[in-house]
Amino acid sequence: MTKIFILYTGGTIGMVHDAHNNALMPFNFGAILDQVPELRRFGFEIDAHSFSPLLDSSNITPAVWVEMARIIEKKYDQYDGFVILHGTDTMAYTASALSFMFENLGKPVIMTGSQLPIGEIRTDAKENLITAIELAASLEPVVNEVCILFDFQLYRGNRATKFNSIKFEAFRSVNYPVLAEAGVEIRYHEHAILPKIHKPFRVNTKLNEEVGLLKLYPGIPQAMIDAVLQTTGLKALVLETFGAGNASTNPDFIESLRKAIQKGMLILDVTQCLGGRVELGRYQTSVQLQSIGVVSGEDITTEAALAKLMYLLGQDLTDAELKQQLAVSLRGEISV
């Protein structure tokens, strides 16, 4: 019998109405077959574990990622696939982080959630949950990736980003095609799915959180830039630039970046655009960034960039090794 493990961390999807006061409250996922009886028709063995306390996704931290990873590691050999229920706001960050933490993943890890609680009459929760479980049970093809399933679309987790807070179509993956689409039947796009790696599954739980994020905008004060760059202990910075990796050519700005790099900080250039990629040197407004040692993030998302830096900084790499690993696709996070 196919065995599926559900990890409920919190979020909108797990809420139902309390019959006594008509308020929303989380339901017991240990009794999930009672709440969603349609799942019985699969004939799967479904077990569930809930975080205690449950967490709104705004309160998810790297320490929680480690906890999730260790739970999956412990259960890995016992189940055919995994479903993680998670709030939507930071789901793309968690999916990205887990994708790097899981090395040689050979089973589906499907993350999903909902925009409306499962206890609402008009909800996306049941469809997302049912479809996620069916995808997690897939044996042919095996989607051996950390994915996000939302609104009938299966995305590579480290390629997706939340782009809408009020529609059921909450996520998009602009720079990479969907892995599967659930319509009358589930259509897999096998060319887009990572090939299976026949090596032992490993979980890397050492993360370094000394990573920052600076989003550029016209007129950003130099004092703000310096304050971020001079943050105590900061080892790496994701710099969200304009267009194809462009930024101001103001000498003070460039000099601040140069000094930070000389002191050992790694600066990764990521575009603010949902689609496209960084192309350092294409325009005059990125030539100086390239010349002082800013690293191109290619077409990586901001969420994946932060997670990848935390993962790599935790691996005790040399500066050269770190830059080399940033330039290659470890889990399908960039197009090469």
Protein backbone atom coordinates (compact mmCIF):
# COMPACT_ATOMS: atom_id res chain seq x y z
CA MET A 1 0.00 0.00 0.00
CA THR A 2 1.24 3.48 -0.88
CA LYS A 3 2.16 5.42 2.25
CA ILE A 4 1.98 9.21 2.46
CA PHE A 5 3.15 11.38 5.33
CA ILE A 6 1.58 14.79 5.93
CA LEU A 7 3.38 17.42 7.98
CA TYR A 8 1.10 20.26 9.05
CA THR A 9 3.07 23.29 10.16
CA GLY A 10 0.18 25.74 10.32
CA GLY A 11 -1.51 28.17 7.99
CA THR A 12 -4.93 28.84 6.56
CA ILE A 13 -5.45 25.39 5.06
CA GLY A 14 -5.95 23.63 8.39
CA MET A 15 -8.73 25.80 9.78
CA VAL A 16 -12.36 24.68 10.32
CA HIS A 17 -15.36 26.25 12.02
CA ASP A 18 -15.92 25.44 15.67
CA ALA A 19 -19.56 24.36 15.95
CA HIS A 20 -19.87 26.00 19.38
CA ASN A 21 -18.78 29.56 18.58
CA ASN A 22 -18.53 29.52 14.75
CA ALA A 23 -14.91 30.69 15.00
CA LEU A 24 -12.09 29.26 12.93
CA MET A 25 -9.78 26.83 14.68
CA PRO A 26 -7.21 24.26 13.51
CA PHE A 27 -8.48 20.72 13.07
CA ASN A 28 -6.76 17.53 14.12
CA PHE A 29 -4.86 16.25 11.11
CA GLY A 30 -4.68 12.86 12.76
CA ALA A 31 -8.35 12.57 11.75
CA ILE A 32 -7.80 13.89 8.25
CA LEU A 33 -9.81 11.10 6.60
CA ASP A 34 -12.85 12.24 8.56
CA GLN A 35 -12.43 15.83 7.42
CA VAL A 36 -11.67 14.93 3.80
CA PRO A 37 -13.40 11.57 3.20
CA GLU A 38 -12.57 11.74 -0.52
CA LEU A 39 -9.03 10.67 0.41
CA ARG A 40 -10.28 7.18 1.33
CA ARG A 41 -10.87 6.49 -2.37
CA PHE A 42 -7.13 6.62 -3.02
CA GLY A 43 -6.58 3.54 -0.87
CA PHE A 44 -3.40 5.06 0.54
CA GLU A 45 -2.14 4.79 4.09
CA ILE A 46 -1.99 8.41 5.22
CA ASP A 47 -0.33 9.49 8.45
CA ALA A 48 -0.09 13.04 9.74
CA HIS A 49 1.93 15.02 12.22
CA SER A 50 1.11 18.55 13.36
CA PHE A 51 3.47 21.11 14.78
CA SER A 52 2.74 22.15 18.32
CA PRO A 53 2.22 25.01 18.50
CA LEU A 54 1.12 25.62 14.93
CA LEU A 55 2.97 28.43 13.19
CA ASP A 56 1.75 31.21 10.98
CA SER A 57 4.15 31.22 8.06
CA SER A 58 5.27 34.75 8.98
CA ASN A 59 6.88 33.17 12.06
CA ILE A 60 8.82 30.52 10.12
CA THR A 61 12.58 30.73 10.74
CA PRO A 62 15.62 28.72 9.60
CA ALA A 63 15.36 26.80 12.87
CA VAL A 64 11.90 25.65 11.78
CA TRP A 65 13.30 24.59 8.40
CA VAL A 66 15.77 22.40 10.28
CA GLU A 67 12.94 20.90 12.34
CA MET A 68 10.96 20.10 9.19
CA ALA A 69 14.01 18.58 7.50
CA ARG A 70 14.74 16.35 10.48
CA ILE A 71 11.15 15.09 10.60
CA ILE A 72 11.28 14.17 6.91
CA GLU A 73 14.68 12.56 7.40
CA LYS A 74 13.33 10.41 10.22
CA LYS A 75 10.31 9.32 8.17
CA TYR A 76 12.04 9.09 4.79
CA ASP A 77 12.39 5.32 4.52
CA GLN A 78 8.88 4.65 5.84
CA TYR A 79 6.87 6.59 3.25
CA ASP A 80 6.57 6.89 -0.52
CA GLY A 81 5.91 10.61 -0.55
CA PHE A 82 5.50 13.65 1.66
CA VAL A 83 3.09 16.58 1.82
CA ILE A 84 3.94 19.68 3.83
CA LEU A 85 1.07 22.01 4.66
CA HIS A 86 2.33 25.54 5.16
CA GLY A 87 1.11 29.12 5.12
CA THR A 88 1.49 30.77 1.74
CA ASP A 89 3.34 33.94 2.76
CA THR A 90 6.75 32.30 3.22
CA MET A 91 6.14 29.00 1.45
CA ALA A 92 8.58 29.82 -1.36
CA TYR A 93 11.33 30.53 1.18
CA THR A 94 10.73 27.20 2.93
CA ALA A 95 10.53 25.27 -0.33
CA SER A 96 13.80 26.82 -1.48
CA ALA A 97 15.56 26.09 1.79
CA LEU A 98 14.41 22.46 1.93
CA SER A 99 15.46 21.93 -1.69
CA PHE A 100 19.05 22.73 -0.73
CA MET A 101 18.92 20.88 2.58
CA PHE A 102 17.70 17.66 0.91
CA GLU A 103 20.58 16.13 -1.04
CA ASN A 104 19.89 13.28 -3.48
CA LEU A 105 16.16 13.49 -2.85
CA GLY A 106 14.45 10.51 -4.47
CA LYS A 107 10.84 11.00 -3.36
CA PRO A 108 8.24 13.75 -3.83
CA VAL A 109 8.03 16.47 -1.19
CA ILE A 110 4.95 18.51 -2.11
CA MET A 111 4.21 21.74 -0.28
CA THR A 112 0.75 23.23 -0.42
CA GLY A 113 -1.64 25.46 1.46
CA SER A 114 -4.70 27.50 0.62
CA GLN A 115 -6.11 30.97 0.38
CA LEU A 116 -9.29 29.94 2.20
CA PRO A 117 -9.62 27.55 5.17
CA ILE A 118 -10.57 23.94 4.57
CA GLY A 119 -13.72 24.53 6.64
CA GLU A 120 -15.10 27.18 4.28
CA ILE A 121 -17.78 26.19 1.77
CA ARG A 122 -16.00 27.80 -1.20
CA THR A 123 -12.41 26.83 -0.57
CA ASP A 124 -9.32 25.88 -2.52
CA ALA A 125 -8.00 23.86 0.42
CA LYS A 126 -9.52 20.48 -0.40
CA GLU A 127 -8.48 20.51 -4.04
CA ASN A 128 -4.94 21.55 -3.16
CA LEU A 129 -4.65 18.88 -0.46
CA ILE A 130 -6.13 16.08 -2.57
CA THR A 131 -3.99 16.93 -5.59
CA ALA A 132 -0.84 17.27 -3.47
CA ILE A 133 -1.39 13.81 -2.00
CA GLU A 134 -1.96 12.30 -5.45
CA LEU A 135 1.25 13.91 -6.71
CA ALA A 136 3.18 12.74 -3.65
CA ALA A 137 2.05 9.19 -4.40
CA SER A 138 3.19 9.28 -8.02
CA LEU A 139 5.47 6.39 -8.87
CA GLU A 140 5.73 7.09 -12.60
CA PRO A 141 7.10 9.60 -12.99
CA VAL A 142 8.54 10.21 -9.54
CA VAL A 143 8.73 13.95 -8.90
CA ASN A 144 11.87 13.71 -6.77
CA GLU A 145 11.90 17.39 -5.88
CA VAL A 146 10.65 19.83 -3.28
CA CYS A 147 7.65 21.34 -5.05
CA ILE A 148 4.81 23.77 -4.50
CA LEU A 149 1.35 22.68 -5.60
CA PHE A 150 -1.17 25.46 -5.94
CA ASP A 151 -4.24 26.03 -8.08
CA PHE A 152 -3.64 22.83 -10.09
CA GLN A 153 -0.07 23.80 -10.99
CA LEU A 154 3.02 21.97 -9.70
CA TYR A 155 6.05 24.24 -9.47
CA ARG A 156 9.68 23.54 -8.64
CA GLY A 157 9.85 24.94 -5.12
CA ASN A 158 13.00 27.01 -5.57
CA ARG A 159 11.62 28.56 -8.78
CA ALA A 160 8.28 29.72 -7.42
CA THR A 161 7.32 32.98 -5.78
CA LYS A 162 4.09 34.22 -4.24
CA PHE A 163 2.67 36.95 -6.44
CA ASN A 164 -0.99 37.29 -5.40
CA SER A 165 -2.50 37.54 -1.94
CA ILE A 166 -6.20 37.36 -2.83
CA LYS A 167 -6.57 34.99 -5.80
CA PHE A 168 -6.42 31.21 -5.75
CA GLU A 169 -3.60 31.50 -8.29
CA ALA A 170 -1.18 32.57 -5.57
CA PHE A 171 2.14 31.41 -7.05
CA ARG A 172 4.02 31.74 -10.30
CA SER A 173 7.23 30.41 -11.77
CA VAL A 174 8.12 32.80 -14.56
CA ASN A 175 11.60 31.56 -15.42
CA TYR A 176 10.86 27.83 -15.35
CA PRO A 177 7.94 25.75 -16.65
CA VAL A 178 5.50 23.96 -14.38
CA LEU A 179 6.35 20.35 -13.59
CA ALA A 180 2.77 19.12 -13.84
CA GLU A 181 -0.76 20.40 -14.40
CA ALA A 182 -3.84 18.85 -12.81
CA GLY A 183 -6.88 18.99 -15.07
CA VAL A 184 -9.16 16.14 -16.04
CA GLU A 185 -5.99 14.11 -15.64
CA ILE A 186 -2.55 15.01 -14.30
CA ARG A 187 -0.17 15.89 -17.11
CA TYR A 188 3.49 15.62 -16.16
CA HIS A 189 6.11 17.59 -18.05
CA GLU A 190 8.85 15.04 -17.55
CA HIS A 191 11.48 17.08 -19.41
CA ALA A 192 11.19 19.72 -16.66
CA ILE A 193 11.54 17.32 -13.73
CA LEU A 194 14.98 16.75 -12.24
CA PRO A 195 16.45 13.34 -13.09
CA LYS A 196 16.69 10.88 -10.24
CA ILE A 197 20.07 10.68 -8.55
CA HIS A 198 20.97 7.17 -7.44
CA LYS A 199 22.86 8.14 -4.32
CA PRO A 200 21.94 7.91 -0.63
CA PHE A 201 19.56 10.59 0.62
CA ARG A 202 21.24 13.09 2.95
CA VAL A 203 19.93 16.01 4.96
CA ASN A 204 22.12 19.05 5.54
CA THR A 205 20.89 21.02 8.53
CA LYS A 206 23.78 23.42 9.00
CA LEU A 207 22.61 26.87 7.90
CA ASN A 208 24.29 30.22 8.37
CA GLU A 209 21.75 33.00 8.85
CA GLU A 210 24.24 35.87 8.49
CA VAL A 211 22.71 36.85 5.17
CA GLY A 212 21.10 40.17 4.31
CA LEU A 213 18.79 41.61 1.68
CA LEU A 214 18.93 45.12 0.21
CA LYS A 215 16.35 46.23 -2.34
CA LEU A 216 17.43 49.22 -4.36
CA TYR A 217 15.05 52.03 -5.29
CA PRO A 218 15.52 55.49 -6.80
CA GLY A 219 16.75 57.85 -4.10
CA ILE A 220 17.71 55.21 -1.55
CA PRO A 221 19.75 57.05 1.13
CA GLN A 222 23.45 56.28 1.21
CA ALA A 223 23.18 56.04 5.00
CA MET A 224 20.71 53.18 4.62
CA ILE A 225 23.02 51.35 2.23
CA ASP A 226 25.95 51.78 4.61
CA ALA A 227 23.87 50.68 7.59
CA VAL A 228 23.04 47.39 5.87
CA LEU A 229 26.56 46.78 4.60
CA GLN A 230 28.02 47.48 8.03
CA THR A 231 25.68 45.13 9.89
CA THR A 232 27.73 43.23 12.43
CA GLY A 233 28.48 39.67 11.35
CA LEU A 234 26.93 39.98 7.89
CA LYS A 235 28.71 37.56 5.53
CA ALA A 236 26.62 37.81 2.38
CA LEU A 237 24.10 40.17 0.85
CA VAL A 238 21.42 39.65 -1.77
CA LEU A 239 21.28 42.91 -3.71
CA GLU A 240 17.96 43.37 -5.53
CA THR A 241 18.82 45.50 -8.54
CA PHE A 242 16.92 46.93 -11.49
CA GLY A 243 16.29 45.16 -14.78
CA ALA A 244 19.16 42.96 -15.92
CA GLY A 245 21.20 43.58 -12.76
CA ASN A 246 21.60 47.35 -13.04
CA ALA A 247 22.20 49.88 -10.28
CA SER A 248 23.22 53.46 -9.69
CA THR A 249 26.70 54.45 -10.79
CA ASN A 250 26.94 56.94 -7.92
CA PRO A 251 30.60 56.78 -6.77
CA ASP A 252 29.64 56.66 -3.07
CA PHE A 253 27.36 53.68 -3.65
CA ILE A 254 29.96 51.79 -5.69
CA GLU A 255 32.68 52.56 -3.14
CA SER A 256 30.53 51.24 -0.27
CA LEU A 257 30.00 47.97 -2.12
CA ARG A 258 33.69 47.74 -3.03
CA LYS A 259 34.80 48.20 0.59
CA ALA A 260 32.34 45.56 1.80
CA ILE A 261 33.60 43.07 -0.79
CA GLN A 262 37.22 43.81 0.10
CA LYS A 263 36.40 43.01 3.73
CA GLY A 264 35.09 39.59 2.69
CA MET A 265 31.39 40.13 2.10
CA LEU A 266 29.82 38.27 -0.81
CA ILE A 267 27.27 40.34 -2.75
CA LEU A 268 24.85 38.46 -5.01
CA ASP A 269 23.04 40.50 -7.67
CA VAL A 270 19.39 39.43 -8.15
CA THR A 271 16.92 41.25 -10.37
CA GLN A 272 13.76 42.78 -8.93
CA CYS A 273 11.88 41.63 -12.04
CA LEU A 274 9.69 38.52 -11.79
CA GLY A 275 11.08 37.29 -15.10
CA GLY A 276 14.40 37.52 -16.87
CA ARG A 277 17.91 37.34 -15.50
CA VAL A 278 20.93 39.30 -14.35
CA GLU A 279 23.45 40.02 -17.11
CA LEU A 280 26.31 41.91 -15.51
CA GLY A 281 28.15 44.09 -18.01
CA ARG A 282 25.34 44.21 -20.54
CA TYR A 283 24.59 47.82 -19.66
CA GLN A 284 26.92 50.54 -18.42
CA THR A 285 24.96 50.62 -15.16
CA SER A 286 26.20 47.15 -14.22
CA VAL A 287 29.77 47.27 -15.53
CA GLN A 288 31.11 48.70 -12.27
CA LEU A 289 29.27 46.10 -10.20
CA GLN A 290 30.99 43.41 -12.22
CA SER A 291 34.39 45.08 -11.94
CA ILE A 292 34.32 45.30 -8.13
CA GLY A 293 33.37 41.63 -7.71
CA VAL A 294 29.58 41.56 -7.36
CA VAL A 295 28.39 38.03 -8.27
CA SER A 296 25.60 37.44 -10.76
CA GLY A 297 22.54 35.62 -9.46
CA GLU A 298 21.50 34.72 -13.02
CA ASP A 299 17.73 34.02 -12.95
CA ILE A 300 17.45 32.87 -9.34
CA THR A 301 14.54 34.13 -7.23
CA THR A 302 15.19 36.25 -4.18
CA GLU A 303 13.78 33.48 -1.97
CA ALA A 304 16.09 30.87 -3.46
CA ALA A 305 19.07 33.25 -3.37
CA LEU A 306 18.70 33.81 0.38
CA ALA A 307 18.21 30.10 1.06
CA LYS A 308 21.13 29.06 -1.16
CA LEU A 309 23.48 31.51 0.57
CA MET A 310 22.42 30.28 4.03
CA TYR A 311 23.02 26.71 2.89
CA LEU A 312 26.39 27.34 1.24
CA LEU A 313 27.70 29.52 4.06
CA GLY A 314 26.94 26.64 6.40
CA GLN A 315 29.17 24.27 4.40
CA ASP A 316 32.53 25.81 5.40
CA LEU A 317 33.57 26.50 1.81
CA THR A 318 36.42 28.68 0.68
CA ASP A 319 35.54 31.95 -1.07
CA ALA A 320 36.41 30.40 -4.42
CA GLU A 321 34.29 27.31 -3.74
CA LEU A 322 31.40 29.47 -2.59
CA LYS A 323 31.41 31.52 -5.78
CA GLN A 324 31.74 28.38 -7.88
CA GLN A 325 28.72 26.81 -6.18
CA LEU A 326 26.69 29.99 -6.69
CA ALA A 327 27.41 29.82 -10.41
CA VAL A 328 26.07 26.28 -10.85
CA SER A 329 22.60 24.87 -10.47
CA LEU A 330 22.59 22.66 -7.37
CA ARG A 331 18.86 21.83 -7.26
CA GLY A 332 17.58 23.31 -10.51
CA GLU A 333 17.38 26.81 -9.02
CA ILE A 334 19.01 28.59 -11.96
CA SER A 335 19.03 28.10 -15.71
CA VAL A 336 22.43 27.09 -17.03
